[in-house]
C-alpha atoms as a PDB file:
ATOM      1  CA  PHE A   1     140.225 116.125 104.144  1.00  0.00           C
ATOM      2  CA  THR A   2     143.178 113.803 104.422  1.00  0.00           C
ATOM      3  CA  PHE A   3     145.329 115.818 106.822  1.00  0.00           C
ATOM      4  CA  ARG A   4     146.385 113.574 109.690  1.00  0.00           C
ATOM      5  CA  PHE A   5     149.135 114.789 111.940  1.00  0.00           C
ATOM      6  CA  ASN A   6     149.296 114.678 115.710  1.00  0.00           C
ATOM      7  CA  ARG A   7     150.499 118.197 116.475  1.00  0.00           C
ATOM      8  CA  ARG A   8     150.449 117.730 120.249  1.00  0.00           C
ATOM      9  CA  ASN A   9     152.914 114.837 120.277  1.00  0.00           C
ATOM     10  CA  SER A  10     155.041 116.205 117.467  1.00  0.00           C
ATOM     11  CA  GLN A  11     158.726 116.790 118.045  1.00  0.00           C
ATOM     12  CA  ARG A  12     158.868 119.163 115.089  1.00  0.00           C
ATOM     13  CA  ARG A  13     156.062 121.717 115.025  1.00  0.00           C
ATOM     14  CA  GLY A  14     157.228 123.061 111.647  1.00  0.00           C
ATOM     15  CA  LEU A  15     156.092 119.845 109.979  1.00  0.00           C
ATOM     16  CA  LEU A  16     152.479 120.785 110.692  1.00  0.00           C
ATOM     17  CA  PHE A  17     152.725 123.895 108.522  1.00  0.00           C
ATOM     18  CA  TYR A  18     154.850 122.100 105.931  1.00  0.00           C
ATOM     19  CA  ARG A  19     152.305 119.306 105.467  1.00  0.00           C
ATOM     20  CA  LEU A  20     149.428 121.770 105.222  1.00  0.00           C
ATOM     21  CA  LEU A  21     151.249 123.567 102.415  1.00  0.00           C
ATOM     22  CA  GLU A  22     152.135 120.290 100.741  1.00  0.00           C
ATOM     23  CA  GLN A  23     148.505 119.158 100.624  1.00  0.00           C
ATOM     24  CA  ALA A  24     147.223 122.561  99.527  1.00  0.00           C
ATOM     25  CA  ILE A  25     149.503 122.375  96.499  1.00  0.00           C
ATOM     26  CA  GLN A  26     148.422 118.826  95.589  1.00  0.00           C
ATOM     27  CA  LEU A  27     144.673 119.503  95.646  1.00  0.00           C
ATOM     28  CA  ASP A  28     142.786 121.110  92.782  1.00  0.00           C
ATOM     29  CA  PRO A  29     141.076 124.417  93.587  1.00  0.00           C
ATOM     30  CA  VAL A  30     137.382 124.106  94.504  1.00  0.00           C
ATOM     31  CA  PRO A  31     134.956 126.840  93.408  1.00  0.00           C
ATOM     32  CA  VAL A  32     133.008 128.628  96.129  1.00  0.00           C
ATOM     33  CA  THR A  33     129.686 127.524  94.602  1.00  0.00           C
ATOM     34  CA  ALA A  34     130.675 123.877  95.109  1.00  0.00           C
ATOM     35  CA  ILE A  35     131.315 124.520  98.806  1.00  0.00           C
ATOM     36  CA  VAL A  36     128.323 126.765  99.521  1.00  0.00           C
ATOM     37  CA  GLY A  37     125.911 124.858  97.281  1.00  0.00           C
ATOM     38  CA  GLY A  38     124.906 127.362  94.631  1.00  0.00           C
ATOM     39  CA  ARG A  39     122.608 126.719  91.710  1.00  0.00           C
ATOM     40  CA  PRO A  40     123.168 123.321  90.045  1.00  0.00           C
END
């Protein structure tokens, strides 16, 4: 998780949402079994 943004000291609160969207688009989708730890 590479999201680093100090939302408390931010002058522009909209950047928080913008950067979250930006990173969500860049990352490949992860299957639920990889997160939960299903059968190998």
